[in-house]
Amino acid sequence: MNCLDRAREVLDIEIEALQKVRGSLDASFEEAVSVILDCLRQNGKIVLTGIGKSLHIADKISATLASTGSTSVVLHPVQAVHGDLGIVTARDVLIAISYSGESDELLTLLPIVKRLNVKIVSITASRDNSLAKLSDVVIVAAVEREACPFNMAPTASTTTALAVGDALAMVLLEAQGFRKEDYARLHPGGAIGRALLLRVADILRPPDRVAKISAEAPVRDALVEMTRARAGSCAVVDDLDRVVGIFTDGDLRRHLSRRHVILDEPVKTVMTANPVTVRPEQLAVDVLAVFEKNNIDDLIVVDAQKKFIGLIDIQDLPKLKIL
């Protein structure tokens, strides 16, 4: 057996399954979204359930939903009939995942849930199985075959169920107007939290580490300021402290290559005018995009009147664990 060939075959089978399910999505998906949105607007939650591998898929879908603004929990069908059913209320919606639609554990649970007047959405292989008949909305996610050589181990079927769950989560995210700031609020830890919660004001260099000079001052003074601040650039301001340019090591090298005597010239004659700037309230994650888009190493921070506030050096970002 060539392991790479077999691996690619498995991926091809799962890609084929995803394409089939993509093509089969219909009004039932829209109906499921409507039912779930009604639930969330009434302060209900999304309860996911399944058995075996489907329960693992339910767990991941629930985590994605919860992290993107749709309150969600997982209910083990066996534990449900031994007391855990208490987490389900009439305001909730239940999403049941079972490819065959004939899992005994689910078929025991669903009639009990229906008596609570809870809407049931199923992700299953057909509309004719027992699970589908107990459901209010059926999302059909049928596959031609599993990637398993015996066509038994859930592979393509669980992949498509997971993808349908992701599709639901992303549609619900947009329908509820979930924003990047909301995502940051739900992800306060780790790199995601740092990048999304930190603002420019939190990462700019303090005044003693920033070089700033008047546009009329000579280049010589700009170099002195840059040396004092141990910086590779100097903000250039007018009489009202508004930023009019930036002078960098790169500017110095470019001008020295064309003429030898520039130290006594006004810095305004050699600076980069109208530099890229950011505001203190912007997110740190946006700063990364500005650096990358403009291929620069220093960003001047200004207020609404374009007055100088500080500077961000790209070399500081790794220490802040943003890069």
C-alpha atoms as a PDB file:
ATOM      1  CA  MET A   1       0.000   0.000   0.000  1.00  0.00           C
ATOM      2  CA  ASN A   2       1.226   3.474  -0.849  1.00  0.00           C
ATOM      3  CA  CYS A   3       0.276   5.476   2.238  1.00  0.00           C
ATOM      4  CA  LEU A   4       0.246   8.825   0.412  1.00  0.00           C
ATOM      5  CA  ASP A   5      -2.023   7.499  -2.300  1.00  0.00           C
ATOM      6  CA  ARG A   6      -4.370   6.074   0.315  1.00  0.00           C
ATOM      7  CA  ALA A   7      -4.351   9.328   2.292  1.00  0.00           C
ATOM      8  CA  ARG A   8      -5.227  11.294  -0.838  1.00  0.00           C
ATOM      9  CA  GLU A   9      -7.994   8.823  -1.626  1.00  0.00           C
ATOM     10  CA  VAL A  10      -9.479   9.368   1.839  1.00  0.00           C
ATOM     11  CA  LEU A  11      -9.388  13.127   1.344  1.00  0.00           C
ATOM     12  CA  ASP A  12     -10.930  12.779  -2.122  1.00  0.00           C
ATOM     13  CA  ILE A  13     -13.799  10.735  -0.667  1.00  0.00           C
ATOM     14  CA  GLU A  14     -14.442  13.362   1.992  1.00  0.00           C
ATOM     15  CA  ILE A  15     -14.201  16.240  -0.498  1.00  0.00           C
ATOM     16  CA  GLU A  16     -16.679  14.426  -2.725  1.00  0.00           C
ATOM     17  CA  ALA A  17     -19.003  13.985   0.247  1.00  0.00           C
ATOM     18  CA  LEU A  18     -18.779  17.682   1.137  1.00  0.00           C
ATOM     19  CA  GLN A  19     -19.575  18.671  -2.442  1.00  0.00           C
ATOM     20  CA  LYS A  20     -22.593  16.366  -2.460  1.00  0.00           C
ATOM     21  CA  VAL A  21     -23.943  17.809   0.784  1.00  0.00           C
ATOM     22  CA  ARG A  22     -23.251  21.348  -0.405  1.00  0.00           C
ATOM     23  CA  GLY A  23     -25.344  20.701  -3.479  1.00  0.00           C
ATOM     24  CA  SER A  24     -28.182  19.151  -1.481  1.00  0.00           C
ATOM     25  CA  LEU A  25     -28.662  22.033   0.968  1.00  0.00           C
ATOM     26  CA  ASP A  26     -32.190  23.392   0.579  1.00  0.00           C
ATOM     27  CA  ALA A  27     -34.925  25.341   2.332  1.00  0.00           C
ATOM     28  CA  SER A  28     -34.623  23.036   5.341  1.00  0.00           C
ATOM     29  CA  PHE A  29     -31.309  24.655   6.203  1.00  0.00           C
ATOM     30  CA  GLU A  30     -32.951  28.090   6.082  1.00  0.00           C
ATOM     31  CA  GLU A  31     -35.787  26.788   8.237  1.00  0.00           C
ATOM     32  CA  ALA A  32     -33.302  25.437  10.767  1.00  0.00           C
ATOM     33  CA  VAL A  33     -31.603  28.832  10.939  1.00  0.00           C
ATOM     34  CA  SER A  34     -34.960  30.518  11.499  1.00  0.00           C
ATOM     35  CA  VAL A  35     -35.899  28.101  14.288  1.00  0.00           C
ATOM     36  CA  ILE A  36     -32.541  28.565  16.010  1.00  0.00           C
ATOM     37  CA  LEU A  37     -32.657  32.360  15.734  1.00  0.00           C
ATOM     38  CA  ASP A  38     -36.148  32.398  17.284  1.00  0.00           C
ATOM     39  CA  CYS A  39     -34.775  30.301  20.131  1.00  0.00           C
ATOM     40  CA  LEU A  40     -31.800  32.587  20.744  1.00  0.00           C
ATOM     41  CA  ARG A  41     -33.941  35.729  20.595  1.00  0.00           C
ATOM     42  CA  GLN A  42     -36.050  34.271  23.414  1.00  0.00           C
ATOM     43  CA  ASN A  43     -32.880  33.746  25.467  1.00  0.00           C
ATOM     44  CA  GLY A  44     -32.946  30.041  24.779  1.00  0.00           C
ATOM     45  CA  LYS A  45     -29.929  27.919  23.956  1.00  0.00           C
ATOM     46  CA  ILE A  46     -28.881  25.361  21.369  1.00  0.00           C
ATOM     47  CA  VAL A  47     -28.615  21.846  22.795  1.00  0.00           C
ATOM     48  CA  LEU A  48     -26.644  19.350  20.697  1.00  0.00           C
ATOM     49  CA  THR A  49     -26.764  15.607  21.080  1.00  0.00           C
ATOM     50  CA  GLY A  50     -25.609  12.428  19.395  1.00  0.00           C
ATOM     51  CA  ILE A  51     -24.083   9.092  20.320  1.00  0.00           C
ATOM     52  CA  GLY A  52     -20.657   7.631  19.590  1.00  0.00           C
ATOM     53  CA  LYS A  53     -18.662   9.626  17.029  1.00  0.00           C
ATOM     54  CA  SER A  54     -21.662  11.873  16.463  1.00  0.00           C
ATOM     55  CA  LEU A  55     -21.453  13.028  20.070  1.00  0.00           C
ATOM     56  CA  HIS A  56     -17.863  14.134  19.483  1.00  0.00           C
ATOM     57  CA  ILE A  57     -19.033  16.068  16.426  1.00  0.00           C
ATOM     58  CA  ALA A  58     -21.840  17.590  18.502  1.00  0.00           C
ATOM     59  CA  ASP A  59     -19.280  18.664  21.086  1.00  0.00           C
ATOM     60  CA  LYS A  60     -17.168  20.505  18.510  1.00  0.00           C
ATOM     61  CA  ILE A  61     -20.156  22.174  16.846  1.00  0.00           C
ATOM     62  CA  SER A  62     -21.423  23.307  20.240  1.00  0.00           C
ATOM     63  CA  ALA A  63     -18.021  24.799  21.079  1.00  0.00           C
ATOM     64  CA  THR A  64     -17.972  26.691  17.773  1.00  0.00           C
ATOM     65  CA  LEU A  65     -21.487  28.000  18.302  1.00  0.00           C
ATOM     66  CA  ALA A  66     -20.757  29.139  21.863  1.00  0.00           C
ATOM     67  CA  SER A  67     -17.554  30.904  20.825  1.00  0.00           C
ATOM     68  CA  THR A  68     -19.303  32.823  18.051  1.00  0.00           C
ATOM     69  CA  GLY A  69     -22.250  34.219  19.970  1.00  0.00           C
ATOM     70  CA  SER A  70     -24.807  31.371  19.982  1.00  0.00           C
ATOM     71  CA  THR A  71     -25.311  29.940  23.462  1.00  0.00           C
ATOM     72  CA  SER A  72     -24.891  26.184  23.246  1.00  0.00           C
ATOM     73  CA  VAL A  73     -24.429  23.065  25.377  1.00  0.00           C
ATOM     74  CA  VAL A  74     -24.025  19.337  24.737  1.00  0.00           C
ATOM     75  CA  LEU A  75     -26.405  16.726  26.122  1.00  0.00           C
ATOM     76  CA  HIS A  76     -25.354  13.084  26.358  1.00  0.00           C
ATOM     77  CA  PRO A  77     -28.488  11.089  25.457  1.00  0.00           C
ATOM     78  CA  VAL A  78     -27.831   8.371  28.042  1.00  0.00           C
ATOM     79  CA  GLN A  79     -27.153  10.828  30.855  1.00  0.00           C
ATOM     80  CA  ALA A  80     -30.184  12.861  29.746  1.00  0.00           C
ATOM     81  CA  VAL A  81     -32.643  10.162  30.793  1.00  0.00           C
ATOM     82  CA  HIS A  82     -30.888   9.908  34.153  1.00  0.00           C
ATOM     83  CA  GLY A  83     -31.314  13.525  35.173  1.00  0.00           C
ATOM     84  CA  ASP A  84     -29.328  15.675  32.733  1.00  0.00           C
ATOM     85  CA  LEU A  85     -32.537  16.462  30.843  1.00  0.00           C
ATOM     86  CA  GLY A  86     -32.864  19.246  33.403  1.00  0.00           C
ATOM     87  CA  ILE A  87     -30.622  21.449  31.276  1.00  0.00           C
ATOM     88  CA  VAL A  88     -33.310  21.592  28.551  1.00  0.00           C
ATOM     89  CA  THR A  89     -36.049  24.221  28.699  1.00  0.00           C
ATOM     90  CA  ALA A  90     -39.009  24.983  26.467  1.00  0.00           C
ATOM     91  CA  ARG A  91     -37.143  27.980  25.010  1.00  0.00           C
ATOM     92  CA  ASP A  92     -34.334  25.775  23.694  1.00  0.00           C
ATOM     93  CA  VAL A  93     -33.800  24.013  20.385  1.00  0.00           C
ATOM     94  CA  LEU A  94     -32.262  20.531  20.122  1.00  0.00           C
ATOM     95  CA  ILE A  95     -29.931  19.561  17.272  1.00  0.00           C
ATOM     96  CA  ALA A  96     -29.651  15.786  17.022  1.00  0.00           C
ATOM     97  CA  ILE A  97     -26.889  14.224  14.928  1.00  0.00           C
ATOM     98  CA  SER A  98     -27.126  10.637  13.682  1.00  0.00           C
ATOM     99  CA  TYR A  99     -26.244   9.441  10.218  1.00  0.00           C
ATOM    100  CA  SER A 100     -28.439   6.331  10.356  1.00  0.00           C
ATOM    101  CA  GLY A 101     -31.163   8.057  12.309  1.00  0.00           C
ATOM    102  CA  GLU A 102     -31.796   4.812  14.143  1.00  0.00           C
ATOM    103  CA  SER A 103     -29.633   5.148  17.270  1.00  0.00           C
ATOM    104  CA  ASP A 104     -31.616   3.705  20.164  1.00  0.00           C
ATOM    105  CA  GLU A 105     -30.291   6.239  22.648  1.00  0.00           C
ATOM    106  CA  LEU A 106     -31.555   9.163  20.566  1.00  0.00           C
ATOM    107  CA  LEU A 107     -34.871   7.531  19.788  1.00  0.00           C
ATOM    108  CA  THR A 108     -35.419   7.104  23.526  1.00  0.00           C
ATOM    109  CA  LEU A 109     -34.568  10.741  24.231  1.00  0.00           C
ATOM    110  CA  LEU A 110     -36.413  12.588  21.466  1.00  0.00           C
ATOM    111  CA  PRO A 111     -40.037  11.733  22.402  1.00  0.00           C
ATOM    112  CA  ILE A 112     -39.293  12.997  25.918  1.00  0.00           C
ATOM    113  CA  VAL A 113     -37.839  16.236  24.524  1.00  0.00           C
ATOM    114  CA  LYS A 114     -40.864  16.712  22.248  1.00  0.00           C
ATOM    115  CA  ARG A 115     -43.133  16.612  25.291  1.00  0.00           C
ATOM    116  CA  LEU A 116     -41.256  19.678  26.546  1.00  0.00           C
ATOM    117  CA  ASN A 117     -42.344  21.519  23.359  1.00  0.00           C
ATOM    118  CA  VAL A 118     -38.712  21.821  22.288  1.00  0.00           C
ATOM    119  CA  LYS A 119     -38.081  22.172  18.555  1.00  0.00           C
ATOM    120  CA  ILE A 120     -35.871  19.418  17.126  1.00  0.00           C
ATOM    121  CA  VAL A 121     -33.477  19.864  14.209  1.00  0.00           C
ATOM    122  CA  SER A 122     -31.757  16.749  12.930  1.00  0.00           C
ATOM    123  CA  ILE A 123     -28.651  16.280  10.790  1.00  0.00           C
ATOM    124  CA  THR A 124     -29.029  12.851   9.240  1.00  0.00           C
ATOM    125  CA  ALA A 125     -28.824  10.821   6.025  1.00  0.00           C
ATOM    126  CA  SER A 126     -32.485  10.893   4.935  1.00  0.00           C
ATOM    127  CA  ARG A 127     -35.976  12.115   5.691  1.00  0.00           C
ATOM    128  CA  ASP A 128     -37.304   8.598   6.052  1.00  0.00           C
ATOM    129  CA  ASN A 129     -35.493   7.322   9.132  1.00  0.00           C
ATOM    130  CA  SER A 130     -36.869   7.332  12.676  1.00  0.00           C
ATOM    131  CA  LEU A 131     -34.898  10.384  13.792  1.00  0.00           C
ATOM    132  CA  ALA A 132     -36.147  12.448  10.863  1.00  0.00           C
ATOM    133  CA  LYS A 133     -39.751  11.503  11.597  1.00  0.00           C
ATOM    134  CA  LEU A 134     -39.365  12.802  15.165  1.00  0.00           C
ATOM    135  CA  SER A 135     -37.797  16.078  14.004  1.00  0.00           C
ATOM    136  CA  ASP A 136     -39.350  19.434  13.190  1.00  0.00           C
ATOM    137  CA  VAL A 137     -36.611  20.252  10.681  1.00  0.00           C
ATOM    138  CA  VAL A 138     -34.369  17.779   8.847  1.00  0.00           C
ATOM    139  CA  ILE A 139     -31.040  18.752   7.274  1.00  0.00           C
ATOM    140  CA  VAL A 140     -30.074  15.904   4.973  1.00  0.00           C
ATOM    141  CA  ALA A 141     -26.325  15.229   4.866  1.00  0.00           C
ATOM    142  CA  ALA A 142     -26.053  11.986   2.906  1.00  0.00           C
ATOM    143  CA  VAL A 143     -22.770  10.621   1.534  1.00  0.00           C
ATOM    144  CA  GLU A 144     -22.077   8.029  -1.147  1.00  0.00           C
ATOM    145  CA  ARG A 145     -19.579   6.126   0.983  1.00  0.00           C
ATOM    146  CA  GLU A 146     -17.347   6.313   4.011  1.00  0.00           C
ATOM    147  CA  ALA A 147     -13.584   6.535   3.606  1.00  0.00           C
ATOM    148  CA  CYS A 148     -13.321   3.336   5.652  1.00  0.00           C
ATOM    149  CA  PRO A 149     -12.500   0.340   3.365  1.00  0.00           C
ATOM    150  CA  PHE A 150     -15.341  -1.581   5.044  1.00  0.00           C
ATOM    151  CA  ASN A 151     -17.694   1.413   4.624  1.00  0.00           C
ATOM    152  CA  MET A 152     -18.339   1.236   8.362  1.00  0.00           C
ATOM    153  CA  ALA A 153     -16.176   3.652  10.398  1.00  0.00           C
ATOM    154  CA  PRO A 154     -17.816   7.120  10.387  1.00  0.00           C
ATOM    155  CA  THR A 155     -15.484   9.315   8.326  1.00  0.00           C
ATOM    156  CA  ALA A 156     -17.098  11.117   5.399  1.00  0.00           C
ATOM    157  CA  SER A 157     -20.421  11.214   7.255  1.00  0.00           C
ATOM    158  CA  THR A 158     -18.943  12.825  10.374  1.00  0.00           C
ATOM    159  CA  THR A 159     -16.938  15.276   8.271  1.00  0.00           C
ATOM    160  CA  THR A 160     -20.079  16.464   6.507  1.00  0.00           C
ATOM    161  CA  ALA A 161     -22.026  16.697   9.765  1.00  0.00           C
ATOM    162  CA  LEU A 162     -19.261  18.842  11.219  1.00  0.00           C
ATOM    163  CA  ALA A 163     -19.198  21.041   8.111  1.00  0.00           C
ATOM    164  CA  VAL A 164     -22.978  21.533   8.273  1.00  0.00           C
ATOM    165  CA  GLY A 165     -22.576  22.545  11.913  1.00  0.00           C
ATOM    166  CA  ASP A 166     -19.872  25.044  10.962  1.00  0.00           C
ATOM    167  CA  ALA A 167     -22.153  26.426   8.255  1.00  0.00           C
ATOM    168  CA  LEU A 168     -24.935  26.898  10.806  1.00  0.00           C
ATOM    169  CA  ALA A 169     -22.568  28.623  13.222  1.00  0.00           C
ATOM    170  CA  MET A 170     -21.254  31.066  10.637  1.00  0.00           C
ATOM    171  CA  VAL A 171     -24.700  31.917   9.262  1.00  0.00           C
ATOM    172  CA  LEU A 172     -25.954  32.510  12.813  1.00  0.00           C
ATOM    173  CA  LEU A 173     -22.893  34.643  13.557  1.00  0.00           C
ATOM    174  CA  GLU A 174     -23.699  36.995  10.698  1.00  0.00           C
ATOM    175  CA  ALA A 175     -27.454  36.948  11.307  1.00  0.00           C
ATOM    176  CA  GLN A 176     -26.914  38.120  14.892  1.00  0.00           C
ATOM    177  CA  GLY A 177     -24.478  40.869  13.933  1.00  0.00           C
ATOM    178  CA  PHE A 178     -21.655  39.231  15.892  1.00  0.00           C
ATOM    179  CA  ARG A 179     -18.568  41.475  15.660  1.00  0.00           C
ATOM    180  CA  LYS A 180     -14.836  41.068  16.018  1.00  0.00           C
ATOM    181  CA  GLU A 181     -15.089  42.845  19.383  1.00  0.00           C
ATOM    182  CA  ASP A 182     -17.633  40.253  20.541  1.00  0.00           C
ATOM    183  CA  TYR A 183     -15.267  37.490  19.486  1.00  0.00           C
ATOM    184  CA  ALA A 184     -12.499  39.096  21.521  1.00  0.00           C
ATOM    185  CA  ARG A 185     -14.757  39.271  24.574  1.00  0.00           C
ATOM    186  CA  LEU A 186     -15.332  35.513  24.383  1.00  0.00           C
ATOM    187  CA  HIS A 187     -11.637  34.740  23.798  1.00  0.00           C
ATOM    188  CA  PRO A 188      -9.791  36.716  26.497  1.00  0.00           C
ATOM    189  CA  GLY A 189      -6.951  34.214  26.858  1.00  0.00           C
ATOM    190  CA  GLY A 190      -4.053  33.269  24.633  1.00  0.00           C
ATOM    191  CA  ALA A 191      -2.849  34.811  21.404  1.00  0.00           C
ATOM    192  CA  ILE A 192      -6.359  35.425  20.048  1.00  0.00           C
ATOM    193  CA  GLY A 193      -7.332  37.374  23.142  1.00  0.00           C
ATOM    194  CA  ARG A 194      -4.166  39.444  23.143  1.00  0.00           C
ATOM    195  CA  ALA A 195      -4.476  40.323  19.479  1.00  0.00           C
ATOM    196  CA  LEU A 196      -8.153  41.211  19.673  1.00  0.00           C
ATOM    197  CA  LEU A 197      -8.393  42.864  23.081  1.00  0.00           C
ATOM    198  CA  LEU A 198      -5.233  44.968  23.044  1.00  0.00           C
ATOM    199  CA  ARG A 199      -5.580  48.451  21.631  1.00  0.00           C
ATOM    200  CA  VAL A 200      -2.952  50.635  20.030  1.00  0.00           C
ATOM    201  CA  ALA A 201      -2.887  52.696  23.226  1.00  0.00           C
ATOM    202  CA  ASP A 202      -1.784  49.567  25.107  1.00  0.00           C
ATOM    203  CA  ILE A 203       1.217  48.804  22.902  1.00  0.00           C
ATOM    204  CA  LEU A 204       2.634  52.172  21.824  1.00  0.00           C
ATOM    205  CA  ARG A 205       6.067  53.190  23.079  1.00  0.00           C
ATOM    206  CA  PRO A 206       6.186  55.602  26.040  1.00  0.00           C
ATOM    207  CA  PRO A 207       7.379  59.198  25.419  1.00  0.00           C
ATOM    208  CA  ASP A 208      10.929  58.570  26.640  1.00  0.00           C
ATOM    209  CA  ARG A 209      11.387  55.954  23.929  1.00  0.00           C
ATOM    210  CA  VAL A 210       9.966  58.040  21.090  1.00  0.00           C
ATOM    211  CA  ALA A 211      11.816  60.484  18.863  1.00  0.00           C
ATOM    212  CA  LYS A 212       9.929  63.624  17.802  1.00  0.00           C
ATOM    213  CA  ILE A 213      11.160  66.786  16.140  1.00  0.00           C
ATOM    214  CA  SER A 214       9.940  69.965  14.456  1.00  0.00           C
ATOM    215  CA  ALA A 215       9.755  70.007  10.677  1.00  0.00           C
ATOM    216  CA  GLU A 216      12.077  73.036  10.656  1.00  0.00           C
ATOM    217  CA  ALA A 217      14.797  71.372  12.756  1.00  0.00           C
ATOM    218  CA  PRO A 218      17.939  70.138  10.981  1.00  0.00           C
ATOM    219  CA  VAL A 219      18.493  66.491  10.166  1.00  0.00           C
ATOM    220  CA  ARG A 220      21.354  66.515  12.669  1.00  0.00           C
ATOM    221  CA  ASP A 221      18.862  67.105  15.513  1.00  0.00           C
ATOM    222  CA  ALA A 222      16.642  64.319  14.221  1.00  0.00           C
ATOM    223  CA  LEU A 223      19.573  61.893  14.440  1.00  0.00           C
ATOM    224  CA  VAL A 224      20.313  63.039  17.987  1.00  0.00           C
ATOM    225  CA  GLU A 225      16.671  62.432  18.943  1.00  0.00           C
ATOM    226  CA  MET A 226      16.653  58.986  17.324  1.00  0.00           C
ATOM    227  CA  THR A 227      19.850  58.061  19.157  1.00  0.00           C
ATOM    228  CA  ARG A 228      18.417  59.248  22.467  1.00  0.00           C
ATOM    229  CA  ALA A 229      15.235  57.243  21.987  1.00  0.00           C
ATOM    230  CA  ARG A 230      17.123  54.249  20.562  1.00  0.00           C
ATOM    231  CA  ALA A 231      14.693  54.329  17.670  1.00  0.00           C
ATOM    232  CA  GLY A 232      14.976  53.855  13.936  1.00  0.00           C
ATOM    233  CA  SER A 233      12.598  56.681  13.144  1.00  0.00           C
ATOM    234  CA  CYS A 234      11.569  60.148  14.202  1.00  0.00           C
ATOM    235  CA  ALA A 235       8.093  61.674  14.052  1.00  0.00           C
ATOM    236  CA  VAL A 236       8.064  65.093  12.367  1.00  0.00           C
ATOM    237  CA  VAL A 237       5.482  67.601  13.658  1.00  0.00           C
ATOM    238  CA  ASP A 238       4.353  71.152  12.950  1.00  0.00           C
ATOM    239  CA  ASP A 239       3.941  73.993  15.462  1.00  0.00           C
ATOM    240  CA  LEU A 240       0.632  72.512  16.671  1.00  0.00           C
ATOM    241  CA  ASP A 241       2.220  69.103  17.270  1.00  0.00           C
ATOM    242  CA  ARG A 242       0.380  67.631  14.267  1.00  0.00           C
ATOM    243  CA  VAL A 243       2.251  64.898  12.444  1.00  0.00           C
ATOM    244  CA  VAL A 244       3.422  65.997   9.004  1.00  0.00           C
ATOM    245  CA  GLY A 245       5.973  63.301   8.292  1.00  0.00           C
ATOM    246  CA  ILE A 246       8.343  60.629   9.484  1.00  0.00           C
ATOM    247  CA  PHE A 247      12.124  60.483   9.136  1.00  0.00           C
ATOM    248  CA  THR A 248      13.711  57.032   9.227  1.00  0.00           C
ATOM    249  CA  ASP A 249      17.085  55.370   8.940  1.00  0.00           C
ATOM    250  CA  GLY A 250      16.005  54.424   5.443  1.00  0.00           C
ATOM    251  CA  ASP A 251      15.387  58.054   4.502  1.00  0.00           C
ATOM    252  CA  LEU A 252      18.861  58.958   5.751  1.00  0.00           C
ATOM    253  CA  ARG A 253      20.545  56.241   3.702  1.00  0.00           C
ATOM    254  CA  ARG A 254      18.616  57.092   0.547  1.00  0.00           C
ATOM    255  CA  HIS A 255      19.501  60.776   0.695  1.00  0.00           C
ATOM    256  CA  LEU A 256      23.139  60.198   1.656  1.00  0.00           C
ATOM    257  CA  SER A 257      23.554  57.969  -1.387  1.00  0.00           C
ATOM    258  CA  ARG A 258      22.661  60.951  -3.616  1.00  0.00           C
ATOM    259  CA  ARG A 259      24.332  63.805  -1.721  1.00  0.00           C
ATOM    260  CA  HIS A 260      26.827  63.920   1.106  1.00  0.00           C
ATOM    261  CA  VAL A 261      25.846  67.027   3.053  1.00  0.00           C
ATOM    262  CA  ILE A 262      22.330  66.884   4.508  1.00  0.00           C
ATOM    263  CA  LEU A 263      22.879  67.133   8.266  1.00  0.00           C
ATOM    264  CA  ASP A 264      22.187  70.864   8.391  1.00  0.00           C
ATOM    265  CA  GLU A 265      19.175  70.765   6.056  1.00  0.00           C
ATOM    266  CA  PRO A 266      15.671  71.021   7.545  1.00  0.00           C
ATOM    267  CA  VAL A 267      14.325  67.558   8.205  1.00  0.00           C
ATOM    268  CA  LYS A 268      11.185  68.435   6.241  1.00  0.00           C
ATOM    269  CA  THR A 269      13.219  68.302   3.029  1.00  0.00           C
ATOM    270  CA  VAL A 270      14.196  64.645   3.537  1.00  0.00           C
ATOM    271  CA  MET A 271      11.317  63.207   5.538  1.00  0.00           C
ATOM    272  CA  THR A 272       8.541  60.960   4.240  1.00  0.00           C
ATOM    273  CA  ALA A 273       5.497  63.240   4.162  1.00  0.00           C
ATOM    274  CA  ASN A 274       1.990  62.115   5.091  1.00  0.00           C
ATOM    275  CA  PRO A 275       3.117  58.915   6.813  1.00  0.00           C
ATOM    276  CA  VAL A 276       0.834  56.018   7.618  1.00  0.00           C
ATOM    277  CA  THR A 277      -0.696  56.547  11.058  1.00  0.00           C
ATOM    278  CA  VAL A 278      -3.022  54.727  13.451  1.00  0.00           C
ATOM    279  CA  ARG A 279      -5.366  55.841  16.213  1.00  0.00           C
ATOM    280  CA  PRO A 280      -4.959  54.785  19.865  1.00  0.00           C
ATOM    281  CA  GLU A 281      -8.376  53.090  19.987  1.00  0.00           C
ATOM    282  CA  GLN A 282      -7.648  50.732  17.088  1.00  0.00           C
ATOM    283  CA  LEU A 283      -7.164  47.031  17.815  1.00  0.00           C
ATOM    284  CA  ALA A 284      -3.666  45.615  17.929  1.00  0.00           C
ATOM    285  CA  VAL A 285      -4.691  42.997  15.375  1.00  0.00           C
ATOM    286  CA  ASP A 286      -5.445  45.819  12.918  1.00  0.00           C
ATOM    287  CA  VAL A 287      -1.940  47.186  13.421  1.00  0.00           C
ATOM    288  CA  LEU A 288      -0.490  43.928  12.125  1.00  0.00           C
ATOM    289  CA  ALA A 289      -2.429  44.357   8.891  1.00  0.00           C
ATOM    290  CA  VAL A 290      -1.211  47.968   8.512  1.00  0.00           C
ATOM    291  CA  PHE A 291       2.427  46.916   8.915  1.00  0.00           C
ATOM    292  CA  GLU A 292       2.034  44.127   6.377  1.00  0.00           C
ATOM    293  CA  LYS A 293       0.085  46.166   3.827  1.00  0.00           C
ATOM    294  CA  ASN A 294       2.513  49.095   3.807  1.00  0.00           C
ATOM    295  CA  ASN A 295       5.759  47.152   4.349  1.00  0.00           C
ATOM    296  CA  ILE A 296       6.944  49.498   7.097  1.00  0.00           C
ATOM    297  CA  ASP A 297       8.625  49.064  10.486  1.00  0.00           C
ATOM    298  CA  ASP A 298       7.286  52.072  12.411  1.00  0.00           C
ATOM    299  CA  LEU A 299       3.766  53.411  12.878  1.00  0.00           C
ATOM    300  CA  ILE A 300       3.011  56.834  14.312  1.00  0.00           C
ATOM    301  CA  VAL A 301       0.011  57.068  16.634  1.00  0.00           C
ATOM    302  CA  VAL A 302      -2.126  60.218  16.361  1.00  0.00           C
ATOM    303  CA  ASP A 303      -5.382  61.506  17.805  1.00  0.00           C
ATOM    304  CA  ALA A 304      -8.426  62.697  15.859  1.00  0.00           C
ATOM    305  CA  GLN A 305      -6.707  66.040  15.151  1.00  0.00           C
ATOM    306  CA  LYS A 306      -3.604  64.204  13.878  1.00  0.00           C
ATOM    307  CA  LYS A 307      -1.627  65.310  16.920  1.00  0.00           C
ATOM    308  CA  PHE A 308       1.273  63.107  17.890  1.00  0.00           C
ATOM    309  CA  ILE A 309       0.647  60.575  20.671  1.00  0.00           C
ATOM    310  CA  GLY A 310       3.320  57.931  20.266  1.00  0.00           C
ATOM    311  CA  LEU A 311       4.841  55.310  18.034  1.00  0.00           C
ATOM    312  CA  ILE A 312       4.715  51.540  17.513  1.00  0.00           C
ATOM    313  CA  ASP A 313       7.865  49.728  16.440  1.00  0.00           C
ATOM    314  CA  ILE A 314       7.282  46.364  14.769  1.00  0.00           C
ATOM    315  CA  GLN A 315      10.147  44.960  16.839  1.00  0.00           C
ATOM    316  CA  ASP A 316       8.021  45.398  19.982  1.00  0.00           C
ATOM    317  CA  LEU A 317       5.212  43.138  18.776  1.00  0.00           C
ATOM    318  CA  PRO A 318       6.887  39.754  19.396  1.00  0.00           C
ATOM    319  CA  LYS A 319       7.611  40.761  23.008  1.00  0.00           C
ATOM    320  CA  LEU A 320       3.922  41.566  23.427  1.00  0.00           C
ATOM    321  CA  LYS A 321       3.131  38.119  21.923  1.00  0.00           C
ATOM    322  CA  ILE A 322       1.028  39.666  19.178  1.00  0.00           C
ATOM    323  CA  LEU A 323       2.979  38.364  16.184  1.00  0.00           C
END
